[in-house]
Amino acid sequence: MANTNAPSGFKPVGHLNGSSWNGQVRKYHVPVGNAAAIGIGTMVGMLATNSDTTGVCNDVVGIDGTTGAGADRPLGPVVSIAHNPEAPRRTYLPAATAGYVFVADSPDLIMEVQSTAALSATNMHYNFGISAESVNTSTGVSTQVIDNPATTATYPLRCIGLVDRPDNALGAYQKVLVKFNTHEFTNMTGVTSGS
């Protein structure tokens, strides 16, 4: 059976030590200058020196790319959008709109995500880039995927296996588990993956 093309961004599912994801998140500020909409599952990165006016929350923006440099170095996926009383029904943060998001920012996080590339057993453990931010504005869910499988050390994510479900198989649109190869709180540059 063919896989369904249904991207839904990055979904935390566990940690590298084998434990399930415990739901831990941290609140971050998104500045008014964010270039694209941010939804549930959008991968964000931290801006170098900025914070909101309280000085508590570091500014984050949605990221894409493969370099792992600057704001392209991931912090984690957005798990929820903070309630805004001026827009109480909003399910995502539109582009050029300031707000707050809750991010799963643990460096040892394991996430489920869809791959655009049809993977084989020989490249399952490659490093991957992240597609441009985009959001399904009806659901508020990110449509980001991973792309550009390669052994390149600076690529921000590393595949660690196929999601084991009856409706998921190697080939186009498969769902995979990934970990961070570069991360805001640990590795500035990742490692080359095996072939």
C-alpha atoms as a PDB file:
ATOM      1  CA  MET A   1       0.000   0.000   0.000  1.00  0.00           C
ATOM      2  CA  ALA A   2       1.348   3.446  -0.900  1.00  0.00           C
ATOM      3  CA  ASN A   3       2.110   5.963   1.837  1.00  0.00           C
ATOM      4  CA  THR A   4      -0.211   8.943   2.154  1.00  0.00           C
ATOM      5  CA  ASN A   5       1.210  12.380   1.411  1.00  0.00           C
ATOM      6  CA  ALA A   6       0.102  14.080   4.641  1.00  0.00           C
ATOM      7  CA  PRO A   7       2.898  16.224   6.096  1.00  0.00           C
ATOM      8  CA  SER A   8       2.303  17.462   9.641  1.00  0.00           C
ATOM      9  CA  GLY A   9       5.595  19.009  10.697  1.00  0.00           C
ATOM     10  CA  PHE A  10       7.638  17.647  13.576  1.00  0.00           C
ATOM     11  CA  LYS A  11       5.937  15.660  16.347  1.00  0.00           C
ATOM     12  CA  PRO A  12       7.893  14.863  19.543  1.00  0.00           C
ATOM     13  CA  VAL A  13       7.621  11.159  20.384  1.00  0.00           C
ATOM     14  CA  GLY A  14      10.493  10.315  22.726  1.00  0.00           C
ATOM     15  CA  HIS A  15      14.063  10.780  23.886  1.00  0.00           C
ATOM     16  CA  LEU A  16      17.310   9.053  22.962  1.00  0.00           C
ATOM     17  CA  ASN A  17      17.467   7.331  26.364  1.00  0.00           C
ATOM     18  CA  GLY A  18      14.366   5.311  25.431  1.00  0.00           C
ATOM     19  CA  SER A  19      11.833   7.253  27.479  1.00  0.00           C
ATOM     20  CA  SER A  20       8.613   8.628  26.011  1.00  0.00           C
ATOM     21  CA  TRP A  21       8.334  12.358  25.422  1.00  0.00           C
ATOM     22  CA  ASN A  22       7.225  13.844  28.736  1.00  0.00           C
ATOM     23  CA  GLY A  23       5.490  16.918  27.315  1.00  0.00           C
ATOM     24  CA  GLN A  24       8.120  19.340  28.626  1.00  0.00           C
ATOM     25  CA  VAL A  25       8.206  22.640  26.722  1.00  0.00           C
ATOM     26  CA  ARG A  26       9.567  26.150  27.160  1.00  0.00           C
ATOM     27  CA  LYS A  27       7.914  29.439  26.234  1.00  0.00           C
ATOM     28  CA  TYR A  28       9.563  31.554  23.538  1.00  0.00           C
ATOM     29  CA  HIS A  29       8.793  34.872  21.905  1.00  0.00           C
ATOM     30  CA  VAL A  30       8.270  35.239  18.146  1.00  0.00           C
ATOM     31  CA  PRO A  31       9.079  38.756  16.881  1.00  0.00           C
ATOM     32  CA  VAL A  32       6.853  40.687  14.503  1.00  0.00           C
ATOM     33  CA  GLY A  33       9.443  40.198  11.767  1.00  0.00           C
ATOM     34  CA  ASN A  34       8.952  36.448  11.392  1.00  0.00           C
ATOM     35  CA  ALA A  35       8.862  35.828   7.662  1.00  0.00           C
ATOM     36  CA  ALA A  36       6.409  32.924   7.499  1.00  0.00           C
ATOM     37  CA  ALA A  37       3.502  31.521   9.479  1.00  0.00           C
ATOM     38  CA  ILE A  38       4.303  29.285  12.448  1.00  0.00           C
ATOM     39  CA  GLY A  39       2.046  26.371  13.339  1.00  0.00           C
ATOM     40  CA  ILE A  40       2.023  23.262  15.483  1.00  0.00           C
ATOM     41  CA  GLY A  41       5.035  21.206  14.384  1.00  0.00           C
ATOM     42  CA  THR A  42       7.027  24.090  12.856  1.00  0.00           C
ATOM     43  CA  MET A  43      10.750  23.759  13.531  1.00  0.00           C
ATOM     44  CA  VAL A  44      12.089  26.993  15.026  1.00  0.00           C
ATOM     45  CA  GLY A  45      15.543  28.393  15.622  1.00  0.00           C
ATOM     46  CA  MET A  46      16.764  31.006  18.073  1.00  0.00           C
ATOM     47  CA  LEU A  47      17.763  34.475  16.934  1.00  0.00           C
ATOM     48  CA  ALA A  48      21.255  35.309  18.118  1.00  0.00           C
ATOM     49  CA  THR A  49      20.816  38.095  20.663  1.00  0.00           C
ATOM     50  CA  ASN A  50      17.188  39.170  20.820  1.00  0.00           C
ATOM     51  CA  SER A  51      14.528  38.822  23.496  1.00  0.00           C
ATOM     52  CA  ASP A  52      11.129  40.317  24.170  1.00  0.00           C
ATOM     53  CA  THR A  53      10.715  43.440  26.311  1.00  0.00           C
ATOM     54  CA  THR A  54      10.651  41.410  29.532  1.00  0.00           C
ATOM     55  CA  GLY A  55      14.062  39.962  28.722  1.00  0.00           C
ATOM     56  CA  VAL A  56      12.841  36.498  29.671  1.00  0.00           C
ATOM     57  CA  CYS A  57      11.994  34.822  26.377  1.00  0.00           C
ATOM     58  CA  ASN A  58      14.527  34.458  23.601  1.00  0.00           C
ATOM     59  CA  ASP A  59      13.235  35.342  20.147  1.00  0.00           C
ATOM     60  CA  VAL A  60      12.670  32.410  17.803  1.00  0.00           C
ATOM     61  CA  VAL A  61      11.717  32.193  14.142  1.00  0.00           C
ATOM     62  CA  GLY A  62      10.639  29.377  11.870  1.00  0.00           C
ATOM     63  CA  ILE A  63      13.622  27.882  10.095  1.00  0.00           C
ATOM     64  CA  ASP A  64      14.397  25.983   6.946  1.00  0.00           C
ATOM     65  CA  GLY A  65      17.602  25.034   5.236  1.00  0.00           C
ATOM     66  CA  THR A  66      20.474  22.660   5.549  1.00  0.00           C
ATOM     67  CA  THR A  67      23.437  24.704   6.712  1.00  0.00           C
ATOM     68  CA  GLY A  68      23.000  24.500  10.478  1.00  0.00           C
ATOM     69  CA  ALA A  69      24.387  28.031  10.689  1.00  0.00           C
ATOM     70  CA  GLY A  70      22.840  30.868  12.694  1.00  0.00           C
ATOM     71  CA  ALA A  71      19.049  30.718  12.847  1.00  0.00           C
ATOM     72  CA  ASP A  72      19.135  27.606  10.649  1.00  0.00           C
ATOM     73  CA  ARG A  73      20.391  25.685  13.699  1.00  0.00           C
ATOM     74  CA  PRO A  74      17.244  24.111  15.195  1.00  0.00           C
ATOM     75  CA  LEU A  75      15.919  24.653  18.694  1.00  0.00           C
ATOM     76  CA  GLY A  76      12.871  22.385  18.455  1.00  0.00           C
ATOM     77  CA  PRO A  77       9.322  22.026  17.177  1.00  0.00           C
ATOM     78  CA  VAL A  78       6.431  24.232  18.244  1.00  0.00           C
ATOM     79  CA  VAL A  79       3.984  22.223  20.360  1.00  0.00           C
ATOM     80  CA  SER A  80       1.396  24.945  20.988  1.00  0.00           C
ATOM     81  CA  ILE A  81       0.656  28.607  20.342  1.00  0.00           C
ATOM     82  CA  ALA A  82       0.039  30.839  23.369  1.00  0.00           C
ATOM     83  CA  HIS A  83      -3.525  32.102  23.713  1.00  0.00           C
ATOM     84  CA  ASN A  84      -4.025  35.645  22.453  1.00  0.00           C
ATOM     85  CA  PRO A  85      -7.187  37.325  23.809  1.00  0.00           C
ATOM     86  CA  GLU A  86      -7.212  39.646  20.780  1.00  0.00           C
ATOM     87  CA  ALA A  87      -7.372  36.602  18.444  1.00  0.00           C
ATOM     88  CA  PRO A  88      -8.890  33.831  20.612  1.00  0.00           C
ATOM     89  CA  ARG A  89      -9.661  31.425  17.755  1.00  0.00           C
ATOM     90  CA  ARG A  90      -6.222  31.602  16.163  1.00  0.00           C
ATOM     91  CA  THR A  91      -4.654  28.158  15.746  1.00  0.00           C
ATOM     92  CA  TYR A  92      -1.342  29.337  14.275  1.00  0.00           C
ATOM     93  CA  LEU A  93       0.815  32.471  14.262  1.00  0.00           C
ATOM     94  CA  PRO A  94       0.520  34.309  10.913  1.00  0.00           C
ATOM     95  CA  ALA A  95       3.597  35.737   9.206  1.00  0.00           C
ATOM     96  CA  ALA A  96       4.733  39.159  10.474  1.00  0.00           C
ATOM     97  CA  THR A  97       2.802  38.636  13.715  1.00  0.00           C
ATOM     98  CA  ALA A  98       4.421  38.727  17.146  1.00  0.00           C
ATOM     99  CA  GLY A  99       3.373  36.196  19.748  1.00  0.00           C
ATOM    100  CA  TYR A 100       4.478  33.391  22.037  1.00  0.00           C
ATOM    101  CA  VAL A 101       4.959  29.710  21.295  1.00  0.00           C
ATOM    102  CA  PHE A 102       5.789  26.670  23.396  1.00  0.00           C
ATOM    103  CA  VAL A 103       8.722  24.672  22.038  1.00  0.00           C
ATOM    104  CA  ALA A 104       9.964  21.153  22.796  1.00  0.00           C
ATOM    105  CA  ASP A 105      13.608  22.225  23.026  1.00  0.00           C
ATOM    106  CA  SER A 106      15.374  19.172  24.472  1.00  0.00           C
ATOM    107  CA  PRO A 107      18.541  18.350  22.480  1.00  0.00           C
ATOM    108  CA  ASP A 108      17.903  14.582  22.830  1.00  0.00           C
ATOM    109  CA  LEU A 109      14.380  14.734  21.398  1.00  0.00           C
ATOM    110  CA  ILE A 110      13.171  12.132  18.891  1.00  0.00           C
ATOM    111  CA  MET A 111      10.545  13.399  16.420  1.00  0.00           C
ATOM    112  CA  GLU A 112       8.277  11.901  13.782  1.00  0.00           C
ATOM    113  CA  VAL A 113       8.254  13.689  10.419  1.00  0.00           C
ATOM    114  CA  GLN A 114       7.518  12.983   6.757  1.00  0.00           C
ATOM    115  CA  SER A 115      10.346  12.750   4.225  1.00  0.00           C
ATOM    116  CA  THR A 116       9.977  14.137   0.711  1.00  0.00           C
ATOM    117  CA  ALA A 117      12.664  11.769  -0.564  1.00  0.00           C
ATOM    118  CA  ALA A 118      11.796   8.119  -1.166  1.00  0.00           C
ATOM    119  CA  LEU A 119      14.249   6.438   1.185  1.00  0.00           C
ATOM    120  CA  SER A 120      15.820   3.016   0.948  1.00  0.00           C
ATOM    121  CA  ALA A 121      17.443   0.851   3.575  1.00  0.00           C
ATOM    122  CA  THR A 122      20.857   2.134   2.487  1.00  0.00           C
ATOM    123  CA  ASN A 123      20.195   5.811   3.285  1.00  0.00           C
ATOM    124  CA  MET A 124      17.851   5.620   6.279  1.00  0.00           C
ATOM    125  CA  HIS A 125      20.540   6.965   8.610  1.00  0.00           C
ATOM    126  CA  TYR A 126      21.539   9.949   6.507  1.00  0.00           C
ATOM    127  CA  ASN A 127      21.433  13.555   7.656  1.00  0.00           C
ATOM    128  CA  PHE A 128      18.600  15.755   6.372  1.00  0.00           C
ATOM    129  CA  GLY A 129      17.673  19.354   5.728  1.00  0.00           C
ATOM    130  CA  ILE A 130      14.373  20.990   6.663  1.00  0.00           C
ATOM    131  CA  SER A 131      11.892  22.297   4.103  1.00  0.00           C
ATOM    132  CA  ALA A 132      10.623  25.872   4.135  1.00  0.00           C
ATOM    133  CA  GLU A 133       8.039  26.746   6.781  1.00  0.00           C
ATOM    134  CA  SER A 134       4.454  26.405   5.698  1.00  0.00           C
ATOM    135  CA  VAL A 135       1.226  25.943   7.625  1.00  0.00           C
ATOM    136  CA  ASN A 136      -2.181  24.493   6.834  1.00  0.00           C
ATOM    137  CA  THR A 137      -4.206  27.534   7.870  1.00  0.00           C
ATOM    138  CA  SER A 138      -7.375  25.443   8.312  1.00  0.00           C
ATOM    139  CA  THR A 139      -5.831  23.173  10.942  1.00  0.00           C
ATOM    140  CA  GLY A 140      -2.948  25.325  12.210  1.00  0.00           C
ATOM    141  CA  VAL A 141      -0.550  22.410  11.655  1.00  0.00           C
ATOM    142  CA  SER A 142       2.833  22.769   9.990  1.00  0.00           C
ATOM    143  CA  THR A 143       3.418  21.090   6.643  1.00  0.00           C
ATOM    144  CA  GLN A 144       7.215  21.042   6.991  1.00  0.00           C
ATOM    145  CA  VAL A 145       9.073  17.910   5.937  1.00  0.00           C
ATOM    146  CA  ILE A 146      12.686  16.759   5.798  1.00  0.00           C
ATOM    147  CA  ASP A 147      14.565  16.834   2.519  1.00  0.00           C
ATOM    148  CA  ASN A 148      17.993  16.603   0.851  1.00  0.00           C
ATOM    149  CA  PRO A 149      19.290  13.333   2.392  1.00  0.00           C
ATOM    150  CA  ALA A 150      23.096  13.326   2.475  1.00  0.00           C
ATOM    151  CA  THR A 151      26.051  12.534   4.710  1.00  0.00           C
ATOM    152  CA  THR A 152      26.841  16.274   5.118  1.00  0.00           C
ATOM    153  CA  ALA A 153      27.827  17.089   8.708  1.00  0.00           C
ATOM    154  CA  THR A 154      26.109  20.486   8.835  1.00  0.00           C
ATOM    155  CA  TYR A 155      22.646  19.145   7.984  1.00  0.00           C
ATOM    156  CA  PRO A 156      20.535  19.735  11.090  1.00  0.00           C
ATOM    157  CA  LEU A 157      18.692  16.411  11.456  1.00  0.00           C
ATOM    158  CA  ARG A 158      19.600  12.748  11.353  1.00  0.00           C
ATOM    159  CA  CYS A 159      17.221   9.921  10.530  1.00  0.00           C
ATOM    160  CA  ILE A 160      17.241   7.066  13.044  1.00  0.00           C
ATOM    161  CA  GLY A 161      14.604   4.809  11.529  1.00  0.00           C
ATOM    162  CA  LEU A 162      11.264   4.258   9.912  1.00  0.00           C
ATOM    163  CA  VAL A 163       8.091   4.774  11.976  1.00  0.00           C
ATOM    164  CA  ASP A 164       6.893   1.227  12.628  1.00  0.00           C
ATOM    165  CA  ARG A 165       3.219   1.254  11.609  1.00  0.00           C
ATOM    166  CA  PRO A 166       1.202  -0.914   9.200  1.00  0.00           C
ATOM    167  CA  ASP A 167       0.337   2.139   7.075  1.00  0.00           C
ATOM    168  CA  ASN A 168       3.973   3.250   6.662  1.00  0.00           C
ATOM    169  CA  ALA A 169       6.706   1.755   4.471  1.00  0.00           C
ATOM    170  CA  LEU A 170       9.936   2.782   2.761  1.00  0.00           C
ATOM    171  CA  GLY A 171       9.195   4.804  -0.363  1.00  0.00           C
ATOM    172  CA  ALA A 172       7.645   8.149  -1.202  1.00  0.00           C
ATOM    173  CA  TYR A 173       6.142  10.080   1.730  1.00  0.00           C
ATOM    174  CA  GLN A 174       7.297   7.693   4.444  1.00  0.00           C
ATOM    175  CA  LYS A 175       7.220   8.859   8.073  1.00  0.00           C
ATOM    176  CA  VAL A 176      10.552   8.574   9.843  1.00  0.00           C
ATOM    177  CA  LEU A 177      12.059   9.236  13.248  1.00  0.00           C
ATOM    178  CA  VAL A 178      14.752  11.899  13.445  1.00  0.00           C
ATOM    179  CA  LYS A 179      17.071  13.341  16.055  1.00  0.00           C
ATOM    180  CA  PHE A 180      19.037  16.588  16.077  1.00  0.00           C
ATOM    181  CA  ASN A 181      22.425  16.552  14.388  1.00  0.00           C
ATOM    182  CA  THR A 182      22.942  20.225  15.219  1.00  0.00           C
ATOM    183  CA  HIS A 183      21.073  21.976  18.037  1.00  0.00           C
ATOM    184  CA  GLU A 184      21.030  25.416  19.632  1.00  0.00           C
ATOM    185  CA  PHE A 185      21.986  24.052  23.078  1.00  0.00           C
ATOM    186  CA  THR A 186      24.606  21.478  22.086  1.00  0.00           C
ATOM    187  CA  ASN A 187      26.215  20.874  18.693  1.00  0.00           C
ATOM    188  CA  MET A 188      27.055  23.890  16.604  1.00  0.00           C
ATOM    189  CA  THR A 189      28.217  21.535  13.856  1.00  0.00           C
ATOM    190  CA  GLY A 190      26.946  18.006  13.489  1.00  0.00           C
ATOM    191  CA  VAL A 191      28.656  14.818  12.408  1.00  0.00           C
ATOM    192  CA  THR A 192      28.873  13.117   9.053  1.00  0.00           C
ATOM    193  CA  SER A 193      26.404  10.240   8.802  1.00  0.00           C
ATOM    194  CA  GLY A 194      27.357   6.770   7.628  1.00  0.00           C
ATOM    195  CA  SER A 195      26.478   5.581   4.160  1.00  0.00           C
END
